[in-house]
Amino acid sequence: MRTRMRRTLALALLSVTTVITIGAASAPAQAMPPEWYRCYISGHGWMWCMDV
Protein backbone atom coordinates (compact mmCIF):
# COMPACT_ATOMS: atom_id res chain seq x y z
CA MET A 1 0.00 0.00 0.00
CA ARG A 2 2.78 2.40 0.93
CA THR A 3 4.62 1.67 -2.34
CA ARG A 4 1.51 2.50 -4.34
CA MET A 5 1.15 5.87 -2.56
CA ARG A 6 4.80 6.69 -3.24
CA ARG A 7 4.42 5.85 -6.91
CA THR A 8 1.26 7.94 -7.16
CA LEU A 9 2.97 10.89 -5.46
CA ALA A 10 6.04 10.54 -7.69
CA LEU A 11 3.87 10.49 -10.82
CA ALA A 12 1.94 13.56 -9.65
CA LEU A 13 5.15 15.47 -8.92
CA LEU A 14 6.57 14.48 -12.31
CA SER A 15 3.40 15.71 -14.03
CA VAL A 16 3.47 19.05 -12.23
CA THR A 17 7.17 19.52 -12.97
CA THR A 18 6.61 18.74 -16.65
CA VAL A 19 3.76 21.24 -16.96
CA ILE A 20 5.79 23.98 -15.24
CA THR A 21 8.85 23.28 -17.42
CA ILE A 22 6.87 23.38 -20.66
CA GLY A 23 5.11 26.57 -19.57
CA ALA A 24 8.38 28.28 -18.65
CA ALA A 25 10.04 27.21 -21.90
CA SER A 26 7.20 28.46 -24.10
CA ALA A 27 6.63 31.77 -22.30
CA PRO A 28 9.64 33.63 -23.80
CA ALA A 29 8.65 32.56 -27.31
CA GLN A 30 5.14 33.94 -26.84
CA ALA A 31 6.50 37.21 -25.45
CA MET A 32 8.54 37.95 -28.58
CA PRO A 33 7.01 40.27 -31.19
CA PRO A 34 5.90 38.52 -34.40
CA GLU A 35 8.77 39.93 -36.47
CA TRP A 36 11.29 37.96 -34.38
CA TYR A 37 12.11 34.38 -35.36
CA ARG A 38 14.52 31.65 -34.32
CA CYS A 39 17.65 31.37 -36.48
CA TYR A 40 20.94 29.49 -36.37
CA ILE A 41 24.13 31.52 -36.72
CA SER A 42 27.29 29.52 -37.32
CA GLY A 43 29.68 29.85 -34.39
CA HIS A 44 26.96 31.23 -32.09
CA GLY A 45 24.15 28.68 -32.18
CA TRP A 46 20.40 29.29 -32.01
CA MET A 47 19.20 32.80 -31.21
CA TRP A 48 16.42 35.29 -31.96
CA CYS A 49 16.76 37.20 -35.26
CA MET A 50 14.85 40.02 -36.92
CA ASP A 51 14.98 41.25 -40.51
CA VAL A 52 15.49 45.00 -40.77
C-alpha atoms as a PDB file:
ATOM      1  CA  MET A   1       0.000   0.000   0.000  1.00  0.00           C
ATOM      2  CA  ARG A   2       2.780   2.401   0.935  1.00  0.00           C
ATOM      3  CA  THR A   3       4.623   1.673  -2.342  1.00  0.00           C
ATOM      4  CA  ARG A   4       1.508   2.504  -4.337  1.00  0.00           C
ATOM      5  CA  MET A   5       1.145   5.871  -2.556  1.00  0.00           C
ATOM      6  CA  ARG A   6       4.800   6.690  -3.237  1.00  0.00           C
ATOM      7  CA  ARG A   7       4.419   5.846  -6.912  1.00  0.00           C
ATOM      8  CA  THR A   8       1.261   7.943  -7.157  1.00  0.00           C
ATOM      9  CA  LEU A   9       2.970  10.886  -5.457  1.00  0.00           C
ATOM     10  CA  ALA A  10       6.042  10.539  -7.692  1.00  0.00           C
ATOM     11  CA  LEU A  11       3.865  10.494 -10.817  1.00  0.00           C
ATOM     12  CA  ALA A  12       1.938  13.558  -9.646  1.00  0.00           C
ATOM     13  CA  LEU A  13       5.148  15.470  -8.922  1.00  0.00           C
ATOM     14  CA  LEU A  14       6.569  14.478 -12.306  1.00  0.00           C
ATOM     15  CA  SER A  15       3.402  15.707 -14.029  1.00  0.00           C
ATOM     16  CA  VAL A  16       3.470  19.049 -12.226  1.00  0.00           C
ATOM     17  CA  THR A  17       7.171  19.519 -12.973  1.00  0.00           C
ATOM     18  CA  THR A  18       6.608  18.735 -16.650  1.00  0.00           C
ATOM     19  CA  VAL A  19       3.762  21.241 -16.963  1.00  0.00           C
ATOM     20  CA  ILE A  20       5.794  23.977 -15.244  1.00  0.00           C
ATOM     21  CA  THR A  21       8.849  23.281 -17.418  1.00  0.00           C
ATOM     22  CA  ILE A  22       6.869  23.380 -20.657  1.00  0.00           C
ATOM     23  CA  GLY A  23       5.113  26.566 -19.571  1.00  0.00           C
ATOM     24  CA  ALA A  24       8.381  28.276 -18.652  1.00  0.00           C
ATOM     25  CA  ALA A  25      10.041  27.210 -21.901  1.00  0.00           C
ATOM     26  CA  SER A  26       7.198  28.457 -24.099  1.00  0.00           C
ATOM     27  CA  ALA A  27       6.626  31.771 -22.301  1.00  0.00           C
ATOM     28  CA  PRO A  28       9.638  33.628 -23.799  1.00  0.00           C
ATOM     29  CA  ALA A  29       8.654  32.560 -27.309  1.00  0.00           C
ATOM     30  CA  GLN A  30       5.144  33.940 -26.838  1.00  0.00           C
ATOM     31  CA  ALA A  31       6.496  37.208 -25.450  1.00  0.00           C
ATOM     32  CA  MET A  32       8.542  37.947 -28.577  1.00  0.00           C
ATOM     33  CA  PRO A  33       7.012  40.269 -31.187  1.00  0.00           C
ATOM     34  CA  PRO A  34       5.896  38.521 -34.401  1.00  0.00           C
ATOM     35  CA  GLU A  35       8.773  39.929 -36.468  1.00  0.00           C
ATOM     36  CA  TRP A  36      11.291  37.961 -34.382  1.00  0.00           C
ATOM     37  CA  TYR A  37      12.109  34.378 -35.364  1.00  0.00           C
ATOM     38  CA  ARG A  38      14.516  31.648 -34.316  1.00  0.00           C
ATOM     39  CA  CYS A  39      17.645  31.366 -36.481  1.00  0.00           C
ATOM     40  CA  TYR A  40      20.942  29.494 -36.365  1.00  0.00           C
ATOM     41  CA  ILE A  41      24.126  31.525 -36.716  1.00  0.00           C
ATOM     42  CA  SER A  42      27.286  29.524 -37.322  1.00  0.00           C
ATOM     43  CA  GLY A  43      29.675  29.848 -34.393  1.00  0.00           C
ATOM     44  CA  HIS A  44      26.960  31.232 -32.086  1.00  0.00           C
ATOM     45  CA  GLY A  45      24.148  28.681 -32.177  1.00  0.00           C
ATOM     46  CA  TRP A  46      20.396  29.290 -32.014  1.00  0.00           C
ATOM     47  CA  MET A  47      19.198  32.804 -31.215  1.00  0.00           C
ATOM     48  CA  TRP A  48      16.423  35.286 -31.962  1.00  0.00           C
ATOM     49  CA  CYS A  49      16.758  37.198 -35.257  1.00  0.00           C
ATOM     50  CA  MET A  50      14.852  40.021 -36.918  1.00  0.00           C
ATOM     51  CA  ASP A  51      14.977  41.250 -40.513  1.00  0.00           C
ATOM     52  CA  VAL A  52      15.489  45.003 -40.770  1.00  0.00           C
END
